[in-house]
């Protein structure tokens, strides 16, 4: 009898900053998979508020209560990272129909690069549907209160980063 392969899912993103919407998806995915790897993207064309190490550290703190969630920083092609982790599933969050076109195209490209690969689209809970990292950064930069969108740990890190 062959042992059952662990179900490992990768949840990639910039996570700059990690939001309650991200937390919601990871919490739910942690119930679906044996292991969830939060893959914090290092090489990105986005301008980030936090460094890769800071984003990894914040995510590790936020997800420390989950025994089956690991946080790893990565750069390069996602599919190479997924294969290196012995995973074949990637989780992507869809907030609105505007997310779908890009995510659908990305899923097709990734499947072409790694045929054993699957994408699982999860929608955030209703109260988190409108939250995005870029909106949180903008609100914080303009002096708004972001406590309804991020954990207290992340809020404190944003305030410290912006010296507010």
Foldseek 3Di string as FASTA:
>chain_A
DDDDDFAEEEEEDQPLPPWVQNVQVVVVVLVVGQAYEDEHEQDDPDDGLDHSVVRQVVVCVSCVVRPRYHYDYDYDDPLVVCVVVVHQEYEDEDLDVVVVVVVVVVQVVSCVVPVSHDYDYDYGPPQQSPDDSVVLLVCVLVPHQCCSIHPPSVSVVSCVSNVD
